[in-house]
C-alpha cells in the first residue's frame, strides 16, 4: 500500500468491505430490465475534526508539520518514508528540507481534499 494510502486510511477510516449485490433477474419488460445508473453519495470527511480527535493531537503540530501529521496517525515519518511519499506525488528531488516538508504537507492536504476530505482553506493551495 502506498504511503498516501496509509495516511488516507488512517484519517478517513478503512472502507468497509463491499458486498456483492444480487444479480437482477430479467422480467421480459424492456423498461424494467434497463440498467439503472446508481449515484452513490460520497461522504465528506472533516479532516480537521478527525485529526483533532486523535490521541496526542494537542501535543503535535499536525496543521503545519508533515512529520507531526504522520506521527499523529501512526505512519512512519522518517526521511525515507517522506521521500517515498514525495515520489508518489511525482517529486523526485525531495531532500527533506523545511521547504520540501511544507510542500509535502500541502500536497497531502490537497490530495485528502481531492479524495473527499473537508480541509480548511488555509491548508490548501
PDB file of N, CA and C in Angstrom:
ATOM      1  N   UNK A   1       0.851  -1.178   0.000  1.00  0.00           N
ATOM      2  CA  UNK A   1       0.000   0.000   0.000  1.00  0.00           C
ATOM      3  C   UNK A   1       0.892   1.235   0.000  1.00  0.00           C
ATOM      4  N   UNK A   2       0.459   2.237  -0.710  1.00  0.00           N
ATOM      5  CA  UNK A   2       1.219   3.481  -0.792  1.00  0.00           C
ATOM      6  C   UNK A   2       1.224   4.203   0.556  1.00  0.00           C
ATOM      7  N   UNK A   3       2.183   5.092   0.735  1.00  0.00           N
ATOM      8  CA  UNK A   3       2.236   5.895   1.962  1.00  0.00           C
ATOM      9  C   UNK A   3       0.980   6.765   2.033  1.00  0.00           C
ATOM     10  N   UNK A   4       0.610   7.408   0.906  1.00  0.00           N
ATOM     11  CA  UNK A   4      -0.594   8.222   0.931  1.00  0.00           C
ATOM     12  C   UNK A   4      -1.827   7.373   1.247  1.00  0.00           C
ATOM     13  N   UNK A   5      -1.877   6.165   0.745  1.00  0.00           N
ATOM     14  CA  UNK A   5      -2.984   5.261   1.055  1.00  0.00           C
ATOM     15  C   UNK A   5      -3.082   4.995   2.550  1.00  0.00           C
ATOM     16  N   UNK A   6      -1.944   4.824   3.189  1.00  0.00           N
ATOM     17  CA  UNK A   6      -1.927   4.621   4.648  1.00  0.00           C
ATOM     18  C   UNK A   6      -2.416   5.864   5.367  1.00  0.00           C
ATOM     19  N   UNK A   7      -1.986   7.046   4.894  1.00  0.00           N
ATOM     20  CA  UNK A   7      -2.414   8.301   5.503  1.00  0.00           C
ATOM     21  C   UNK A   7      -3.927   8.453   5.358  1.00  0.00           C
ATOM     22  N   UNK A   8      -4.412   8.228   4.159  1.00  0.00           N
ATOM     23  CA  UNK A   8      -5.848   8.363   3.889  1.00  0.00           C
ATOM     24  C   UNK A   8      -6.658   7.388   4.734  1.00  0.00           C
ATOM     25  N   UNK A   9      -6.232   6.132   4.800  1.00  0.00           N
ATOM     26  CA  UNK A   9      -6.953   5.137   5.601  1.00  0.00           C
ATOM     27  C   UNK A   9      -6.960   5.517   7.082  1.00  0.00           C
ATOM     28  N   UNK A  10      -5.843   6.046   7.576  1.00  0.00           N
ATOM     29  CA  UNK A  10      -5.753   6.407   8.988  1.00  0.00           C
ATOM     30  C   UNK A  10      -6.689   7.565   9.332  1.00  0.00           C
ATOM     31  N   UNK A  11      -6.872   8.481   8.397  1.00  0.00           N
ATOM     32  CA  UNK A  11      -7.715   9.648   8.660  1.00  0.00           C
ATOM     33  C   UNK A  11      -9.173   9.376   8.322  1.00  0.00           C
ATOM     34  N   UNK A  12      -9.429   8.756   7.179  1.00  0.00           N
ATOM     35  CA  UNK A  12     -10.800   8.510   6.733  1.00  0.00           C
ATOM     36  C   UNK A  12     -11.397   7.273   7.389  1.00  0.00           C
ATOM     37  N   UNK A  13     -10.544   6.360   7.813  1.00  0.00           N
ATOM     38  CA  UNK A  13     -11.018   5.063   8.276  1.00  0.00           C
ATOM     39  C   UNK A  13     -11.027   4.121   7.096  1.00  0.00           C
ATOM     40  N   UNK A  14     -10.742   2.865   7.332  1.00  0.00           N
ATOM     41  CA  UNK A  14     -10.722   1.902   6.229  1.00  0.00           C
ATOM     42  C   UNK A  14     -12.127   1.681   5.731  1.00  0.00           C
ATOM     43  N   UNK A  15     -12.241   1.545   4.432  1.00  0.00           N
ATOM     44  CA  UNK A  15     -13.550   1.324   3.819  1.00  0.00           C
ATOM     45  C   UNK A  15     -14.066  -0.052   4.193  1.00  0.00           C
ATOM     46  N   UNK A  16     -15.359  -0.113   4.415  1.00  0.00           N
ATOM     47  CA  UNK A  16     -15.985  -1.401   4.693  1.00  0.00           C
ATOM     48  C   UNK A  16     -15.899  -2.269   3.448  1.00  0.00           C
ATOM     49  N   UNK A  17     -15.806  -3.536   3.654  1.00  0.00           N
ATOM     50  CA  UNK A  17     -15.763  -4.461   2.524  1.00  0.00           C
ATOM     51  C   UNK A  17     -17.060  -4.362   1.742  1.00  0.00           C
ATOM     52  N   UNK A  18     -16.937  -4.189   0.462  1.00  0.00           N
ATOM     53  CA  UNK A  18     -18.124  -4.096  -0.394  1.00  0.00           C
ATOM     54  C   UNK A  18     -18.789  -5.462  -0.473  1.00  0.00           C
ATOM     55  N   UNK A  19     -20.106  -5.464  -0.429  1.00  0.00           N
ATOM     56  CA  UNK A  19     -20.854  -6.704  -0.576  1.00  0.00           C
ATOM     57  C   UNK A  19     -21.399  -6.758  -1.993  1.00  0.00           C
ATOM     58  N   UNK A  20     -21.357  -7.931  -2.571  1.00  0.00           N
ATOM     59  CA  UNK A  20     -21.838  -8.086  -3.933  1.00  0.00           C
ATOM     60  C   UNK A  20     -23.360  -8.033  -3.950  1.00  0.00           C
ATOM     61  N   UNK A  21     -23.896  -7.170  -4.825  1.00  0.00           N
ATOM     62  CA  UNK A  21     -25.347  -7.043  -4.955  1.00  0.00           C
ATOM     63  C   UNK A  21     -25.888  -8.248  -5.709  1.00  0.00           C
ATOM     64  N   UNK A  22     -27.088  -8.679  -5.368  1.00  0.00           N
ATOM     65  CA  UNK A  22     -27.672  -9.805  -6.099  1.00  0.00           C
ATOM     66  C   UNK A  22     -27.919  -9.409  -7.554  1.00  0.00           C
ATOM     67  N   UNK A  23     -27.779 -10.367  -8.457  1.00  0.00           N
ATOM     68  CA  UNK A  23     -27.992 -10.119  -9.883  1.00  0.00           C
ATOM     69  C   UNK A  23     -29.491 -10.090 -10.149  1.00  0.00           C
ATOM     70  N   UNK A  24     -29.993  -8.976 -10.741  1.00  0.00           N
ATOM     71  CA  UNK A  24     -31.429  -8.912 -11.019  1.00  0.00           C
ATOM     72  C   UNK A  24     -31.819  -9.909 -12.108  1.00  0.00           C
ATOM     73  N   UNK A  25     -32.985 -10.483 -11.968  1.00  0.00           N
ATOM     74  CA  UNK A  25     -33.495 -11.444 -12.945  1.00  0.00           C
ATOM     75  C   UNK A  25     -34.296 -10.701 -14.012  1.00  0.00           C
ATOM     76  N   UNK A  26     -34.078 -11.018 -15.302  1.00  0.00           N
ATOM     77  CA  UNK A  26     -34.836 -10.349 -16.365  1.00  0.00           C
ATOM     78  C   UNK A  26     -36.330 -10.638 -16.247  1.00  0.00           C
ATOM     79  N   UNK A  27     -37.128  -9.616 -16.558  1.00  0.00           N
ATOM     80  CA  UNK A  27     -38.585  -9.753 -16.465  1.00  0.00           C
ATOM     81  C   UNK A  27     -39.234  -9.858 -17.834  1.00  0.00           C
ATOM     82  N   UNK A  28     -38.491  -9.528 -18.902  1.00  0.00           N
ATOM     83  CA  UNK A  28     -39.063  -9.513 -20.237  1.00  0.00           C
ATOM     84  C   UNK A  28     -39.601  -8.138 -20.601  1.00  0.00           C
ATOM     85  N   UNK A  29     -39.609  -7.213 -19.666  1.00  0.00           N
ATOM     86  CA  UNK A  29     -40.071  -5.848 -19.905  1.00  0.00           C
ATOM     87  C   UNK A  29     -38.836  -4.979 -20.147  1.00  0.00           C
ATOM     88  N   UNK A  30     -38.757  -4.349 -21.335  1.00  0.00           N
ATOM     89  CA  UNK A  30     -37.574  -3.553 -21.697  1.00  0.00           C
ATOM     90  C   UNK A  30     -37.318  -2.427 -20.712  1.00  0.00           C
ATOM     91  N   UNK A  31     -38.368  -1.764 -20.226  1.00  0.00           N
ATOM     92  CA  UNK A  31     -38.184  -0.663 -19.283  1.00  0.00           C
ATOM     93  C   UNK A  31     -37.708  -1.190 -17.931  1.00  0.00           C
ATOM     94  N   UNK A  32     -38.288  -2.253 -17.489  1.00  0.00           N
ATOM     95  CA  UNK A  32     -37.920  -2.799 -16.184  1.00  0.00           C
ATOM     96  C   UNK A  32     -36.523  -3.411 -16.206  1.00  0.00           C
ATOM     97  N   UNK A  33     -36.115  -3.949 -17.369  1.00  0.00           N
ATOM     98  CA  UNK A  33     -34.818  -4.613 -17.459  1.00  0.00           C
ATOM     99  C   UNK A  33     -33.677  -3.659 -17.821  1.00  0.00           C
ATOM    100  N   UNK A  34     -33.990  -2.405 -18.120  1.00  0.00           N
ATOM    101  CA  UNK A  34     -32.942  -1.440 -18.485  1.00  0.00           C
ATOM    102  C   UNK A  34     -32.012  -1.230 -17.292  1.00  0.00           C
ATOM    103  N   UNK A  35     -30.699  -1.119 -17.563  1.00  0.00           N
ATOM    104  CA  UNK A  35     -29.768  -0.910 -16.453  1.00  0.00           C
ATOM    105  C   UNK A  35     -30.054   0.410 -15.743  1.00  0.00           C
ATOM    106  N   UNK A  36     -29.901   0.382 -14.457  1.00  0.00           N
ATOM    107  CA  UNK A  36     -30.117   1.569 -13.630  1.00  0.00           C
ATOM    108  C   UNK A  36     -28.767   2.127 -13.241  1.00  0.00           C
ATOM    109  N   UNK A  37     -28.605   3.424 -13.439  1.00  0.00           N
ATOM    110  CA  UNK A  37     -27.365   4.083 -13.032  1.00  0.00           C
ATOM    111  C   UNK A  37     -27.554   4.571 -11.611  1.00  0.00           C
ATOM    112  N   UNK A  38     -26.714   4.042 -10.746  1.00  0.00           N
ATOM    113  CA  UNK A  38     -26.815   4.437  -9.348  1.00  0.00           C
ATOM    114  C   UNK A  38     -25.769   5.510  -9.052  1.00  0.00           C
ATOM    115  N   UNK A  39     -26.201   6.523  -8.326  1.00  0.00           N
ATOM    116  CA  UNK A  39     -25.265   7.534  -7.861  1.00  0.00           C
ATOM    117  C   UNK A  39     -25.133   7.352  -6.363  1.00  0.00           C
ATOM    118  N   UNK A  40     -23.923   7.092  -5.945  1.00  0.00           N
ATOM    119  CA  UNK A  40     -23.696   6.881  -4.527  1.00  0.00           C
ATOM    120  C   UNK A  40     -23.233   8.193  -3.904  1.00  0.00           C
ATOM    121  N   UNK A  41     -23.787   8.491  -2.754  1.00  0.00           N
ATOM    122  CA  UNK A  41     -23.374   9.688  -2.038  1.00  0.00           C
ATOM    123  C   UNK A  41     -21.961   9.463  -1.505  1.00  0.00           C
ATOM    124  N   UNK A  42     -21.104  10.405  -1.766  1.00  0.00           N
ATOM    125  CA  UNK A  42     -19.737  10.315  -1.278  1.00  0.00           C
ATOM    126  C   UNK A  42     -19.680  11.045   0.058  1.00  0.00           C
ATOM    127  N   UNK A  43     -19.356  10.333   1.121  1.00  0.00           N
ATOM    128  CA  UNK A  43     -19.307  11.002   2.419  1.00  0.00           C
ATOM    129  C   UNK A  43     -18.138  11.988   2.460  1.00  0.00           C
ATOM    130  N   UNK A  44     -18.379  13.126   3.067  1.00  0.00           N
ATOM    131  CA  UNK A  44     -17.328  14.122   3.232  1.00  0.00           C
ATOM    132  C   UNK A  44     -16.752  13.931   4.629  1.00  0.00           C
ATOM    133  N   UNK A  45     -15.445  13.772   4.684  1.00  0.00           N
ATOM    134  CA  UNK A  45     -14.759  13.544   5.955  1.00  0.00           C
ATOM    135  C   UNK A  45     -14.141  14.859   6.415  1.00  0.00           C
ATOM    136  N   UNK A  46     -14.470  15.289   7.611  1.00  0.00           N
ATOM    137  CA  UNK A  46     -13.913  16.521   8.171  1.00  0.00           C
ATOM    138  C   UNK A  46     -12.512  16.210   8.706  1.00  0.00           C
ATOM    139  N   UNK A  47     -11.511  16.536   7.906  1.00  0.00           N
ATOM    140  CA  UNK A  47     -10.126  16.202   8.223  1.00  0.00           C
ATOM    141  C   UNK A  47      -9.688  16.833   9.546  1.00  0.00           C
ATOM    142  N   UNK A  48      -9.967  18.112   9.712  1.00  0.00           N
ATOM    143  CA  UNK A  48      -9.541  18.814  10.917  1.00  0.00           C
ATOM    144  C   UNK A  48     -10.142  18.195  12.170  1.00  0.00           C
ATOM    145  N   UNK A  49     -11.444  17.917  12.150  1.00  0.00           N
ATOM    146  CA  UNK A  49     -12.099  17.311  13.313  1.00  0.00           C
ATOM    147  C   UNK A  49     -11.559  15.916  13.603  1.00  0.00           C
ATOM    148  N   UNK A  50     -11.373  15.115  12.543  1.00  0.00           N
ATOM    149  CA  UNK A  50     -10.847  13.761  12.733  1.00  0.00           C
ATOM    150  C   UNK A  50      -9.459  13.799  13.365  1.00  0.00           C
ATOM    151  N   UNK A  51      -8.603  14.670  12.854  1.00  0.00           N
ATOM    152  CA  UNK A  51      -7.237  14.736  13.385  1.00  0.00           C
ATOM    153  C   UNK A  51      -7.224  15.311  14.799  1.00  0.00           C
ATOM    154  N   UNK A  52      -8.022  16.338  15.059  1.00  0.00           N
ATOM    155  CA  UNK A  52      -8.075  16.922  16.407  1.00  0.00           C
ATOM    156  C   UNK A  52      -8.581  15.927  17.441  1.00  0.00           C
ATOM    157  N   UNK A  53      -9.403  14.977  17.023  1.00  0.00           N
ATOM    158  CA  UNK A  53      -9.974  13.990  17.945  1.00  0.00           C
ATOM    159  C   UNK A  53      -9.006  12.849  18.267  1.00  0.00           C
ATOM    160  N   UNK A  54      -7.918  12.757  17.542  1.00  0.00           N
ATOM    161  CA  UNK A  54      -6.977  11.660  17.772  1.00  0.00           C
ATOM    162  C   UNK A  54      -6.134  11.915  19.015  1.00  0.00           C
ATOM    163  N   UNK A  55      -5.835  10.839  19.754  1.00  0.00           N
ATOM    164  CA  UNK A  55      -4.992  10.987  20.938  1.00  0.00           C
ATOM    165  C   UNK A  55      -3.624  11.572  20.568  1.00  0.00           C
ATOM    166  N   UNK A  56      -3.215  12.598  21.296  1.00  0.00           N
ATOM    167  CA  UNK A  56      -1.922  13.228  21.061  1.00  0.00           C
ATOM    168  C   UNK A  56      -1.984  14.432  20.146  1.00  0.00           C
ATOM    169  N   UNK A  57      -3.160  14.717  19.576  1.00  0.00           N
ATOM    170  CA  UNK A  57      -3.278  15.849  18.640  1.00  0.00           C
ATOM    171  C   UNK A  57      -2.910  17.164  19.305  1.00  0.00           C
ATOM    172  N   UNK A  58      -3.177  17.268  20.593  1.00  0.00           N
ATOM    173  CA  UNK A  58      -2.878  18.511  21.303  1.00  0.00           C
ATOM    174  C   UNK A  58      -1.379  18.716  21.531  1.00  0.00           C
ATOM    175  N   UNK A  59      -0.593  17.673  21.334  1.00  0.00           N
ATOM    176  CA  UNK A  59       0.852  17.762  21.560  1.00  0.00           C
ATOM    177  C   UNK A  59       1.652  17.829  20.263  1.00  0.00           C
ATOM    178  N   UNK A  60       0.982  17.643  19.131  1.00  0.00           N
ATOM    179  CA  UNK A  60       1.679  17.638  17.847  1.00  0.00           C
ATOM    180  C   UNK A  60       1.158  18.762  16.956  1.00  0.00           C
ATOM    181  N   UNK A  61       2.031  19.340  16.180  1.00  0.00           N
ATOM    182  CA  UNK A  61       1.672  20.432  15.283  1.00  0.00           C
ATOM    183  C   UNK A  61       1.328  19.876  13.895  1.00  0.00           C
ATOM    184  N   UNK A  62       0.292  19.051  13.814  1.00  0.00           N
ATOM    185  CA  UNK A  62      -0.073  18.393  12.561  1.00  0.00           C
ATOM    186  C   UNK A  62      -0.549  19.381  11.499  1.00  0.00           C
ATOM    187  N   UNK A  63      -0.985  20.581  11.911  1.00  0.00           N
ATOM    188  CA  UNK A  63      -1.513  21.564  10.960  1.00  0.00           C
ATOM    189  C   UNK A  63      -0.451  22.109  10.003  1.00  0.00           C
ATOM    190  N   UNK A  64       0.798  22.101  10.415  1.00  0.00           N
ATOM    191  CA  UNK A  64       1.856  22.634   9.539  1.00  0.00           C
ATOM    192  C   UNK A  64       3.023  21.687   9.344  1.00  0.00           C
ATOM    193  N   UNK A  65       3.110  20.637  10.127  1.00  0.00           N
ATOM    194  CA  UNK A  65       4.257  19.737  10.059  1.00  0.00           C
ATOM    195  C   UNK A  65       3.860  18.379   9.495  1.00  0.00           C
ATOM    196  N   UNK A  66       4.477  18.003   8.399  1.00  0.00           N
ATOM    197  CA  UNK A  66       4.218  16.681   7.819  1.00  0.00           C
ATOM    198  C   UNK A  66       4.702  15.582   8.759  1.00  0.00           C
ATOM    199  N   UNK A  67       5.799  15.835   9.456  1.00  0.00           N
ATOM    200  CA  UNK A  67       6.327  14.846  10.404  1.00  0.00           C
ATOM    201  C   UNK A  67       5.320  14.612  11.525  1.00  0.00           C
ATOM    202  N   UNK A  68       4.796  15.700  12.106  1.00  0.00           N
ATOM    203  CA  UNK A  68       3.819  15.559  13.187  1.00  0.00           C
ATOM    204  C   UNK A  68       2.514  14.944  12.690  1.00  0.00           C
ATOM    205  N   UNK A  69       2.101  15.286  11.480  1.00  0.00           N
ATOM    206  CA  UNK A  69       0.898  14.687  10.913  1.00  0.00           C
ATOM    207  C   UNK A  69       1.063  13.174  10.796  1.00  0.00           C
ATOM    208  N   UNK A  70       2.190  12.749  10.261  1.00  0.00           N
ATOM    209  CA  UNK A  70       2.429  11.314  10.099  1.00  0.00           C
ATOM    210  C   UNK A  70       2.541  10.613  11.454  1.00  0.00           C
ATOM    211  N   UNK A  71       3.198  11.264  12.426  1.00  0.00           N
ATOM    212  CA  UNK A  71       3.295  10.680  13.770  1.00  0.00           C
ATOM    213  C   UNK A  71       1.912  10.513  14.386  1.00  0.00           C
ATOM    214  N   UNK A  72       1.078  11.541  14.246  1.00  0.00           N
ATOM    215  CA  UNK A  72      -0.259  11.511  14.840  1.00  0.00           C
ATOM    216  C   UNK A  72      -1.078  10.329  14.349  1.00  0.00           C
ATOM    217  N   UNK A  73      -0.974  10.013  13.096  1.00  0.00           N
ATOM    218  CA  UNK A  73      -1.808   8.945  12.527  1.00  0.00           C
ATOM    219  C   UNK A  73      -1.112   7.589  12.518  1.00  0.00           C
ATOM    220  N   UNK A  74       0.098   7.537  13.063  1.00  0.00           N
ATOM    221  CA  UNK A  74       0.786   6.256  13.200  1.00  0.00           C
ATOM    222  C   UNK A  74       1.488   5.775  11.947  1.00  0.00           C
ATOM    223  N   UNK A  75       1.861   6.702  11.061  1.00  0.00           N
ATOM    224  CA  UNK A  75       2.611   6.354   9.853  1.00  0.00           C
ATOM    225  C   UNK A  75       4.049   6.797  10.077  1.00  0.00           C
ATOM    226  N   UNK A  76       4.999   5.921   9.791  1.00  0.00           N
ATOM    227  CA  UNK A  76       6.414   6.231   9.998  1.00  0.00           C
ATOM    228  C   UNK A  76       6.773   7.529   9.286  1.00  0.00           C
ATOM    229  N   UNK A  77       7.359   8.469  10.013  1.00  0.00           N
ATOM    230  CA  UNK A  77       7.644   9.798   9.471  1.00  0.00           C
ATOM    231  C   UNK A  77       9.125  10.013   9.160  1.00  0.00           C
ATOM    232  N   UNK A  78       9.917   8.947   9.131  1.00  0.00           N
ATOM    233  CA  UNK A  78      11.341   9.136   8.867  1.00  0.00           C
ATOM    234  C   UNK A  78      11.563   9.645   7.438  1.00  0.00           C
ATOM    235  N   UNK A  79      12.774  10.069   7.165  1.00  0.00           N
ATOM    236  CA  UNK A  79      13.111  10.666   5.873  1.00  0.00           C
ATOM    237  C   UNK A  79      12.755   9.734   4.712  1.00  0.00           C
ATOM    238  N   UNK A  80      13.066   8.468   4.840  1.00  0.00           N
ATOM    239  CA  UNK A  80      12.819   7.526   3.743  1.00  0.00           C
ATOM    240  C   UNK A  80      11.334   7.455   3.389  1.00  0.00           C
ATOM    241  N   UNK A  81      10.467   7.455   4.398  1.00  0.00           N
ATOM    242  CA  UNK A  81       9.029   7.393   4.133  1.00  0.00           C
ATOM    243  C   UNK A  81       8.507   8.711   3.558  1.00  0.00           C
ATOM    244  N   UNK A  82       9.039   9.836   4.030  1.00  0.00           N
ATOM    245  CA  UNK A  82       8.629  11.124   3.461  1.00  0.00           C
ATOM    246  C   UNK A  82       9.103  11.240   2.018  1.00  0.00           C
ATOM    247  N   UNK A  83      10.307  10.749   1.740  1.00  0.00           N
ATOM    248  CA  UNK A  83      10.815  10.773   0.364  1.00  0.00           C
ATOM    249  C   UNK A  83       9.941   9.885  -0.531  1.00  0.00           C
ATOM    250  N   UNK A  84       9.568   8.723  -0.028  1.00  0.00           N
ATOM    251  CA  UNK A  84       8.695   7.827  -0.792  1.00  0.00           C
ATOM    252  C   UNK A  84       7.348   8.496  -1.070  1.00  0.00           C
ATOM    253  N   UNK A  85       6.807   9.199  -0.071  1.00  0.00           N
ATOM    254  CA  UNK A  85       5.545   9.914  -0.242  1.00  0.00           C
ATOM    255  C   UNK A  85       5.690  11.008  -1.301  1.00  0.00           C
ATOM    256  N   UNK A  86       6.773  11.767  -1.241  1.00  0.00           N
ATOM    257  CA  UNK A  86       7.016  12.815  -2.243  1.00  0.00           C
ATOM    258  C   UNK A  86       7.131  12.205  -3.638  1.00  0.00           C
ATOM    259  N   UNK A  87       7.780  11.055  -3.737  1.00  0.00           N
ATOM    260  CA  UNK A  87       7.921  10.375  -5.022  1.00  0.00           C
ATOM    261  C   UNK A  87       6.557   9.938  -5.553  1.00  0.00           C
ATOM    262  N   UNK A  88       5.658   9.491  -4.672  1.00  0.00           N
ATOM    263  CA  UNK A  88       4.301   9.138  -5.083  1.00  0.00           C
ATOM    264  C   UNK A  88       3.606  10.324  -5.747  1.00  0.00           C
ATOM    265  N   UNK A  89       3.947  11.517  -5.296  1.00  0.00           N
ATOM    266  CA  UNK A  89       3.355  12.741  -5.833  1.00  0.00           C
ATOM    267  C   UNK A  89       4.164  13.306  -6.995  1.00  0.00           C
ATOM    268  N   UNK A  90       5.156  12.556  -7.458  1.00  0.00           N
ATOM    269  CA  UNK A  90       5.921  12.963  -8.630  1.00  0.00           C
ATOM    270  C   UNK A  90       7.117  13.841  -8.357  1.00  0.00           C
ATOM    271  N   UNK A  91       7.511  13.965  -7.122  1.00  0.00           N
ATOM    272  CA  UNK A  91       8.651  14.823  -6.786  1.00  0.00           C
ATOM    273  C   UNK A  91       9.859  13.950  -6.489  1.00  0.00           C
ATOM    274  N   UNK A  92      10.769  13.879  -7.429  1.00  0.00           N
ATOM    275  CA  UNK A  92      11.954  13.026  -7.297  1.00  0.00           C
ATOM    276  C   UNK A  92      13.093  13.711  -6.549  1.00  0.00           C
ATOM    277  N   UNK A  93      13.060  15.048  -6.454  1.00  0.00           N
ATOM    278  CA  UNK A  93      14.175  15.778  -5.858  1.00  0.00           C
ATOM    279  C   UNK A  93      13.938  16.152  -4.392  1.00  0.00           C
ATOM    280  N   UNK A  94      13.085  15.413  -3.685  1.00  0.00           N
ATOM    281  CA  UNK A  94      12.802  15.681  -2.269  1.00  0.00           C
ATOM    282  C   UNK A  94      14.076  15.511  -1.451  1.00  0.00           C
ATOM    283  N   UNK A  95      14.408  16.543  -0.658  1.00  0.00           N
ATOM    284  CA  UNK A  95      15.634  16.493   0.144  1.00  0.00           C
ATOM    285  C   UNK A  95      15.363  16.476   1.641  1.00  0.00           C
ATOM    286  N   UNK A  96      14.115  16.695   2.035  1.00  0.00           N
ATOM    287  CA  UNK A  96      13.798  16.734   3.456  1.00  0.00           C
ATOM    288  C   UNK A  96      13.971  18.106   4.070  1.00  0.00           C
ATOM    289  N   UNK A  97      14.219  19.113   3.253  1.00  0.00           N
ATOM    290  CA  UNK A  97      14.384  20.482   3.759  1.00  0.00           C
ATOM    291  C   UNK A  97      13.053  21.002   4.291  1.00  0.00           C
ATOM    292  N   UNK A  98      13.103  22.108   5.005  1.00  0.00           N
ATOM    293  CA  UNK A  98      11.879  22.721   5.523  1.00  0.00           C
ATOM    294  C   UNK A  98      10.930  23.057   4.376  1.00  0.00           C
ATOM    295  N   UNK A  99      11.461  23.595   3.295  1.00  0.00           N
ATOM    296  CA  UNK A  99      10.618  23.928   2.134  1.00  0.00           C
ATOM    297  C   UNK A  99       9.969  22.685   1.545  1.00  0.00           C
ATOM    298  N   UNK A 100      10.740  21.605   1.436  1.00  0.00           N
ATOM    299  CA  UNK A 100      10.189  20.354   0.914  1.00  0.00           C
ATOM    300  C   UNK A 100       9.081  19.819   1.822  1.00  0.00           C
ATOM    301  N   UNK A 101       9.295  19.910   3.126  1.00  0.00           N
ATOM    302  CA  UNK A 101       8.300  19.402   4.066  1.00  0.00           C
ATOM    303  C   UNK A 101       7.025  20.230   4.045  1.00  0.00           C
ATOM    304  N   UNK A 102       7.148  21.539   3.864  1.00  0.00           N
ATOM    305  CA  UNK A 102       5.968  22.397   3.736  1.00  0.00           C
ATOM    306  C   UNK A 102       5.203  22.008   2.471  1.00  0.00           C
ATOM    307  N   UNK A 103       5.943  21.823   1.367  1.00  0.00           N
ATOM    308  CA  UNK A 103       5.313  21.402   0.113  1.00  0.00           C
ATOM    309  C   UNK A 103       4.596  20.061   0.287  1.00  0.00           C
ATOM    310  N   UNK A 104       5.262  19.126   0.958  1.00  0.00           N
ATOM    311  CA  UNK A 104       4.701  17.788   1.131  1.00  0.00           C
ATOM    312  C   UNK A 104       3.427  17.838   1.974  1.00  0.00           C
ATOM    313  N   UNK A 105       3.434  18.628   3.043  1.00  0.00           N
ATOM    314  CA  UNK A 105       2.251  18.773   3.889  1.00  0.00           C
ATOM    315  C   UNK A 105       1.084  19.340   3.076  1.00  0.00           C
ATOM    316  N   UNK A 106       1.331  20.388   2.315  1.00  0.00           N
ATOM    317  CA  UNK A 106       0.273  20.990   1.499  1.00  0.00           C
ATOM    318  C   UNK A 106      -0.232  20.004   0.446  1.00  0.00           C
ATOM    319  N   UNK A 107       0.678  19.257  -0.118  1.00  0.00           N
ATOM    320  CA  UNK A 107       0.274  18.279  -1.145  1.00  0.00           C
ATOM    321  C   UNK A 107      -0.611  17.200  -0.543  1.00  0.00           C
ATOM    322  N   UNK A 108      -0.270  16.711   0.643  1.00  0.00           N
ATOM    323  CA  UNK A 108      -1.096  15.717   1.329  1.00  0.00           C
ATOM    324  C   UNK A 108      -2.484  16.297   1.589  1.00  0.00           C
ATOM    325  N   UNK A 109      -2.547  17.526   2.077  1.00  0.00           N
ATOM    326  CA  UNK A 109      -3.839  18.150   2.362  1.00  0.00           C
ATOM    327  C   UNK A 109      -4.666  18.308   1.084  1.00  0.00           C
ATOM    328  N   UNK A 110      -4.017  18.712  -0.012  1.00  0.00           N
ATOM    329  CA  UNK A 110      -4.719  18.835  -1.293  1.00  0.00           C
ATOM    330  C   UNK A 110      -5.241  17.479  -1.767  1.00  0.00           C
ATOM    331  N   UNK A 111      -4.452  16.433  -1.595  1.00  0.00           N
ATOM    332  CA  UNK A 111      -4.880  15.092  -2.011  1.00  0.00           C
ATOM    333  C   UNK A 111      -6.023  14.582  -1.133  1.00  0.00           C
ATOM    334  N   UNK A 112      -5.973  14.884   0.161  1.00  0.00           N
ATOM    335  CA  UNK A 112      -7.081  14.495   1.038  1.00  0.00           C
ATOM    336  C   UNK A 112      -8.363  15.189   0.591  1.00  0.00           C
ATOM    337  N   UNK A 113      -8.256  16.469   0.230  1.00  0.00           N
ATOM    338  CA  UNK A 113      -9.424  17.214  -0.259  1.00  0.00           C
ATOM    339  C   UNK A 113      -9.934  16.610  -1.568  1.00  0.00           C
ATOM    340  N   UNK A 114      -9.032  16.218  -2.438  1.00  0.00           N
ATOM    341  CA  UNK A 114      -9.423  15.637  -3.728  1.00  0.00           C
ATOM    342  C   UNK A 114     -10.068  14.266  -3.562  1.00  0.00           C
ATOM    343  N   UNK A 115      -9.863  13.636  -2.415  1.00  0.00           N
ATOM    344  CA  UNK A 115     -10.411  12.305  -2.161  1.00  0.00           C
ATOM    345  C   UNK A 115     -11.592  12.324  -1.200  1.00  0.00           C
ATOM    346  N   UNK A 116     -12.249  13.477  -1.071  1.00  0.00           N
ATOM    347  CA  UNK A 116     -13.461  13.546  -0.258  1.00  0.00           C
ATOM    348  C   UNK A 116     -13.283  14.131   1.120  1.00  0.00           C
ATOM    349  N   UNK A 117     -12.136  14.708   1.391  1.00  0.00           N
ATOM    350  CA  UNK A 117     -11.905  15.311   2.688  1.00  0.00           C
ATOM    351  C   UNK A 117     -12.279  16.780   2.707  1.00  0.00           C
ATOM    352  N   UNK A 118     -12.849  17.223   3.813  1.00  0.00           N
ATOM    353  CA  UNK A 118     -13.120  18.650   4.015  1.00  0.00           C
ATOM    354  C   UNK A 118     -11.898  19.206   4.750  1.00  0.00           C
ATOM    355  N   UNK A 119     -11.109  19.977   4.006  1.00  0.00           N
ATOM    356  CA  UNK A 119      -9.840  20.501   4.525  1.00  0.00           C
ATOM    357  C   UNK A 119      -9.968  22.013   4.624  1.00  0.00           C
ATOM    358  N   UNK A 120      -9.576  22.605   5.761  1.00  0.00           N
ATOM    359  CA  UNK A 120      -9.628  24.070   5.866  1.00  0.00           C
ATOM    360  C   UNK A 120      -8.830  24.745   4.750  1.00  0.00           C
ATOM    361  N   UNK A 121      -9.339  25.850   4.253  1.00  0.00           N
ATOM    362  CA  UNK A 121      -8.751  26.554   3.109  1.00  0.00           C
ATOM    363  C   UNK A 121      -7.285  26.915   3.333  1.00  0.00           C
ATOM    364  N   UNK A 122      -6.903  27.228   4.541  1.00  0.00           N
ATOM    365  CA  UNK A 122      -5.510  27.632   4.782  1.00  0.00           C
ATOM    366  C   UNK A 122      -4.509  26.501   4.582  1.00  0.00           C
ATOM    367  N   UNK A 123      -4.979  25.265   4.491  1.00  0.00           N
ATOM    368  CA  UNK A 123      -4.109  24.122   4.262  1.00  0.00           C
ATOM    369  C   UNK A 123      -3.954  23.791   2.783  1.00  0.00           C
ATOM    370  N   UNK A 124      -4.697  24.481   1.947  1.00  0.00           N
ATOM    371  CA  UNK A 124      -4.744  24.150   0.519  1.00  0.00           C
ATOM    372  C   UNK A 124      -4.008  25.186  -0.323  1.00  0.00           C
ATOM    373  N   UNK A 125      -3.637  24.765  -1.539  1.00  0.00           N
ATOM    374  CA  UNK A 125      -3.023  25.694  -2.493  1.00  0.00           C
ATOM    375  C   UNK A 125      -4.101  26.548  -3.130  1.00  0.00           C
TER     376      UNK A 125
END
